[in-house]
Every structure is written in structure tokens, then in C-alpha cells.
Amino acid sequence: MTTVKQGVKSARAGTHPGLICQVPSGWAVLCDMQYLRGYTILLPDPVVGGINELDRGQRSTFLCDMVTIDDALLEVTEAFRINYALMSNSDPFQHGHIVPRYLSEPEEIRRGLPWSYPQGAMNANLLDAQRDKESIARLAKAISKHL
């Protein structure tokens, strides 16, 4: 799995395999685990330990960028809702999870946390830059439209 610091470094270099685009607060990238199509991570740039390290304007920008990505996901996927999570626990740096949820998911999983999928299901759909190329392009276009 890519760490937040590694993700920001490779996004800046244009080499992140899931790079969607730059947004005002950082970088939108597809998550390494694509068991939910369109699962996106917002990486802050600069990297911070948590949202409390950002001033009020930076916090607003970061959260607004999450909603912008949400708008784009709703536009280009068949998701019926989007879940959000701000994390800095296993990787101790701020990052936002923007997770599309689908009516086609098994109900017992759809009603739970997105990472409650069985381990085998998570590994079955790892990010594939070639396979996900079209999704990345569509999301980048939709995000730019909503910025």
C-alpha cells in the first residue's frame, strides 16, 4: 500500500498510478484498493498530521475538495451515495477517503463500513493503471468542471 507521503511525492512527479488530478488542497488519486469502483483518496499537499494542523481556510478547502470529488463520482459512476472518512491512524498523516457506494453491493456490506469487505474481495480489485485509465480521465474531467 502507498503511504500518504509516497502518494504525494509520486503525484507531484506525475507518476502515481492512480493520479486523477491536482485540486486546491492536494491530489485526488484512486485508492490502491478498487473493490468499490471509483474509491478515491484526497492527499493533502503539503502533508500534515491531521486536519487540526490546518488553519480554518485550509480546512474548508480540503473539505470542499472532498465534496467536489463526491460530485464528480456521482456524475461518472452509478453510485447512489458517497461515504467520507478522514484518516490519520495506520498512516499517521491526514488523508480523506471518498468512497462511492452501490446498490449492487451485498446489503450486509453496503450498510457497513466500506473496508468491511472480506480480505479476498479487497485484493481482487487492486488498482490497475491500465484498466482504470478511462475512469481516471472521466473523473479528472468531472472534477475540473466542478472546481
Protein backbone atom coordinates (compact mmCIF):
# COMPACT_ATOMS: atom_id res chain seq x y z
CA MET A 1 0.00 0.00 0.00
CA THR A 2 1.13 3.51 -0.82
CA THR A 3 1.68 5.82 2.15
CA VAL A 4 0.43 9.41 2.17
CA LYS A 5 3.97 10.80 1.85
CA GLN A 6 4.79 8.41 -1.01
CA GLY A 7 1.49 9.24 -2.69
CA VAL A 8 2.09 12.99 -2.57
CA LYS A 9 5.66 12.58 -3.80
CA SER A 10 4.58 10.45 -6.78
CA ALA A 11 1.58 12.71 -7.53
CA ARG A 12 3.88 15.75 -7.65
CA ALA A 13 6.13 13.84 -10.06
CA GLY A 14 3.15 12.74 -12.15
CA THR A 15 3.99 9.07 -11.60
CA HIS A 16 1.25 7.99 -9.18
CA PRO A 17 -0.57 5.11 -10.95
CA GLY A 18 -3.97 6.33 -9.70
CA LEU A 19 -3.40 10.06 -10.21
CA ILE A 20 -6.62 11.77 -11.18
CA CYS A 21 -5.69 15.44 -10.81
CA GLN A 22 -4.46 18.19 -8.56
CA VAL A 23 -7.09 20.06 -6.54
CA PRO A 24 -6.60 23.22 -4.44
CA SER A 25 -5.80 21.29 -1.24
CA GLY A 26 -3.71 18.49 -2.75
CA TRP A 27 -4.17 15.49 -5.01
CA ALA A 28 -7.07 13.26 -5.96
CA VAL A 29 -5.93 9.67 -6.57
CA LEU A 30 -7.70 6.37 -6.96
CA CYS A 31 -7.21 4.22 -3.88
CA ASP A 32 -4.84 1.25 -4.20
CA MET A 33 -7.87 -0.94 -3.43
CA GLN A 34 -10.62 -0.57 -6.05
CA TYR A 35 -13.09 -3.09 -4.62
CA LEU A 36 -15.54 -0.19 -4.87
CA ARG A 37 -15.11 1.34 -8.33
CA GLY A 38 -14.02 4.97 -8.03
CA TYR A 39 -12.77 4.74 -4.42
CA THR A 40 -10.70 7.93 -4.21
CA ILE A 41 -8.20 9.31 -1.72
CA LEU A 42 -7.58 13.03 -1.25
CA LEU A 43 -3.94 13.56 -0.33
CA PRO A 44 -3.15 16.96 1.24
CA ASP A 45 -0.25 18.94 -0.14
CA PRO A 46 1.61 19.86 1.94
CA VAL A 47 1.37 16.70 4.06
CA VAL A 48 0.08 17.28 7.59
CA GLY A 49 -0.51 15.01 10.57
CA GLY A 50 -4.19 15.83 10.86
CA ILE A 51 -6.88 18.32 9.95
CA ASN A 52 -6.27 20.20 13.21
CA GLU A 53 -2.91 21.30 11.83
CA LEU A 54 -4.66 23.25 9.09
CA ASP A 55 -5.99 26.77 9.56
CA ARG A 56 -9.69 27.44 9.03
CA GLY A 57 -9.30 28.31 5.35
CA GLN A 58 -7.16 25.23 4.62
CA ARG A 59 -9.69 23.01 6.41
CA SER A 60 -12.52 24.49 4.36
CA THR A 61 -10.58 23.97 1.14
CA PHE A 62 -9.76 20.35 1.99
CA LEU A 63 -13.36 19.50 2.89
CA CYS A 64 -14.71 21.38 -0.12
CA ASP A 65 -12.35 19.39 -2.34
CA MET A 66 -13.77 16.18 -0.86
CA VAL A 67 -17.28 17.32 -1.84
CA THR A 68 -16.07 18.28 -5.32
CA ILE A 69 -14.70 14.76 -5.77
CA ASP A 70 -18.05 13.45 -4.46
CA ASP A 71 -19.87 15.47 -7.14
CA ALA A 72 -17.60 14.02 -9.82
CA LEU A 73 -18.04 10.45 -8.58
CA LEU A 74 -21.81 10.80 -8.59
CA GLU A 75 -21.59 12.12 -12.14
CA VAL A 76 -19.38 9.40 -13.62
CA THR A 77 -20.29 6.29 -11.61
CA GLU A 78 -23.54 4.55 -10.80
CA ALA A 79 -23.08 5.21 -7.06
CA PHE A 80 -26.20 6.01 -5.09
CA ARG A 81 -24.28 7.74 -2.30
CA ILE A 82 -20.76 8.68 -1.28
CA ASN A 83 -19.17 7.96 2.11
CA TYR A 84 -16.38 10.06 3.62
CA ALA A 85 -13.71 9.30 6.17
CA LEU A 86 -10.79 11.40 7.41
CA MET A 87 -7.91 9.23 8.45
CA SER A 88 -4.50 9.52 10.03
CA ASN A 89 -4.28 6.39 12.13
CA SER A 90 -2.45 3.50 10.41
CA ASP A 91 -0.67 6.04 8.19
CA PRO A 92 -0.19 8.97 10.59
CA PHE A 93 -0.84 11.70 8.03
CA GLN A 94 -4.08 13.40 7.05
CA HIS A 95 -5.93 11.98 4.08
CA GLY A 96 -9.55 11.77 3.05
CA HIS A 97 -11.37 8.70 1.77
CA ILE A 98 -14.19 9.42 -0.71
CA VAL A 99 -16.00 6.14 -1.24
CA PRO A 100 -18.80 5.53 -3.73
CA ARG A 101 -21.45 3.06 -2.56
CA TYR A 102 -23.52 0.99 -4.94
CA LEU A 103 -26.93 -0.63 -4.67
CA SER A 104 -25.34 -3.70 -6.28
CA GLU A 105 -23.24 -4.31 -3.15
CA PRO A 106 -24.41 -7.10 -0.83
CA GLU A 107 -26.74 -5.40 1.67
CA GLU A 108 -24.87 -6.62 4.76
CA ILE A 109 -21.69 -4.99 3.42
CA ARG A 110 -23.34 -1.93 1.87
CA ARG A 111 -24.74 -0.97 5.27
CA GLY A 112 -21.33 -1.36 6.91
CA LEU A 113 -18.01 0.39 6.59
CA PRO A 114 -16.55 0.23 3.10
CA TRP A 115 -13.44 -1.56 4.35
CA SER A 116 -15.57 -4.33 5.89
CA TYR A 117 -15.30 -6.30 2.64
CA PRO A 118 -13.67 -9.71 3.10
CA GLN A 119 -9.91 -9.59 2.59
CA GLY A 120 -10.12 -11.66 -0.63
CA ALA A 121 -12.56 -9.18 -2.15
CA MET A 122 -10.21 -6.29 -1.41
CA ASN A 123 -7.25 -7.99 -3.08
CA ALA A 124 -9.30 -8.99 -6.12
CA ASN A 125 -9.61 -5.41 -7.37
CA LEU A 126 -6.32 -3.69 -6.74
CA LEU A 127 -5.68 -0.52 -8.72
CA ASP A 128 -4.63 -1.27 -12.27
CA ALA A 129 -3.47 1.90 -14.03
CA GLN A 130 -4.17 0.47 -17.48
CA ARG A 131 -7.62 -0.93 -16.64
CA ASP A 132 -8.60 2.21 -14.69
CA LYS A 133 -7.24 4.70 -17.24
CA GLU A 134 -10.67 5.62 -18.64
CA SER A 135 -12.19 6.09 -15.16
CA ILE A 136 -9.29 8.32 -14.17
CA ALA A 137 -9.77 10.50 -17.26
CA ARG A 138 -13.54 10.79 -16.72
CA LEU A 139 -13.07 11.70 -13.06
CA ALA A 140 -10.41 14.30 -13.89
CA LYS A 141 -12.73 15.94 -16.40
CA ALA A 142 -15.67 15.94 -13.97
CA ILE A 143 -13.57 17.29 -11.09
CA SER A 144 -12.23 20.14 -13.24
CA LYS A 145 -15.81 21.00 -14.20
CA HIS A 146 -16.83 21.22 -10.51
CA LEU A 147 -13.83 23.24 -9.29
